[in-house]
């Protein structure tokens, strides 16, 4: 499975980090306009 999160702010970043940690079989991609956020 693949998940793409657009926006790595206060909700997107931590949520995707937990999904990546807890579900190693899921490919997580995070996209944000601000490179420093990622």
C-alpha atoms as a PDB file:
ATOM      1  CA  UNK A   1       0.000   0.000   0.000  1.00  0.00           C
ATOM      2  CA  UNK A   2       1.120   3.568  -0.652  1.00  0.00           C
ATOM      3  CA  UNK A   3       0.079   6.729   1.197  1.00  0.00           C
ATOM      4  CA  UNK A   4       0.882  10.296   0.159  1.00  0.00           C
ATOM      5  CA  UNK A   5       0.362  13.173   2.573  1.00  0.00           C
ATOM      6  CA  UNK A   6       0.199  16.671   1.134  1.00  0.00           C
ATOM      7  CA  UNK A   7       1.195  19.035   3.927  1.00  0.00           C
ATOM      8  CA  UNK A   8       3.598  18.078   6.712  1.00  0.00           C
ATOM      9  CA  UNK A   9       2.360  20.527   9.310  1.00  0.00           C
ATOM     10  CA  UNK A  10       1.212  19.911  12.872  1.00  0.00           C
ATOM     11  CA  UNK A  11      -1.072  17.032  11.845  1.00  0.00           C
ATOM     12  CA  UNK A  12       0.311  15.561   8.623  1.00  0.00           C
ATOM     13  CA  UNK A  13       3.942  15.104   9.646  1.00  0.00           C
ATOM     14  CA  UNK A  14       3.407  13.337  12.980  1.00  0.00           C
ATOM     15  CA  UNK A  15       0.556  11.241  11.585  1.00  0.00           C
ATOM     16  CA  UNK A  16       2.655  10.007   8.682  1.00  0.00           C
ATOM     17  CA  UNK A  17       5.608   9.361  11.001  1.00  0.00           C
ATOM     18  CA  UNK A  18       3.443   7.113  13.185  1.00  0.00           C
ATOM     19  CA  UNK A  19       1.984   5.285  10.183  1.00  0.00           C
ATOM     20  CA  UNK A  20       5.516   4.698   8.854  1.00  0.00           C
ATOM     21  CA  UNK A  21       6.654   3.450  12.272  1.00  0.00           C
ATOM     22  CA  UNK A  22       3.691   1.174  12.971  1.00  0.00           C
ATOM     23  CA  UNK A  23       3.099  -0.103   9.413  1.00  0.00           C
ATOM     24  CA  UNK A  24       6.461  -0.988   7.832  1.00  0.00           C
ATOM     25  CA  UNK A  25       4.735  -2.554   4.807  1.00  0.00           C
ATOM     26  CA  UNK A  26       3.160   0.820   3.867  1.00  0.00           C
ATOM     27  CA  UNK A  27       5.168   3.223   1.704  1.00  0.00           C
ATOM     28  CA  UNK A  28       4.676   6.715   3.137  1.00  0.00           C
ATOM     29  CA  UNK A  29       5.444   9.837   1.082  1.00  0.00           C
ATOM     30  CA  UNK A  30       5.141  13.341   2.533  1.00  0.00           C
ATOM     31  CA  UNK A  31       5.026  16.458   0.347  1.00  0.00           C
ATOM     32  CA  UNK A  32       5.146  20.040   1.574  1.00  0.00           C
ATOM     33  CA  UNK A  33       5.873  23.404  -0.037  1.00  0.00           C
ATOM     34  CA  UNK A  34       8.346  24.166   2.781  1.00  0.00           C
ATOM     35  CA  UNK A  35      11.449  21.921   2.570  1.00  0.00           C
ATOM     36  CA  UNK A  36      12.392  22.665   6.192  1.00  0.00           C
ATOM     37  CA  UNK A  37       9.120  21.154   7.400  1.00  0.00           C
ATOM     38  CA  UNK A  38      10.029  17.773   5.982  1.00  0.00           C
END
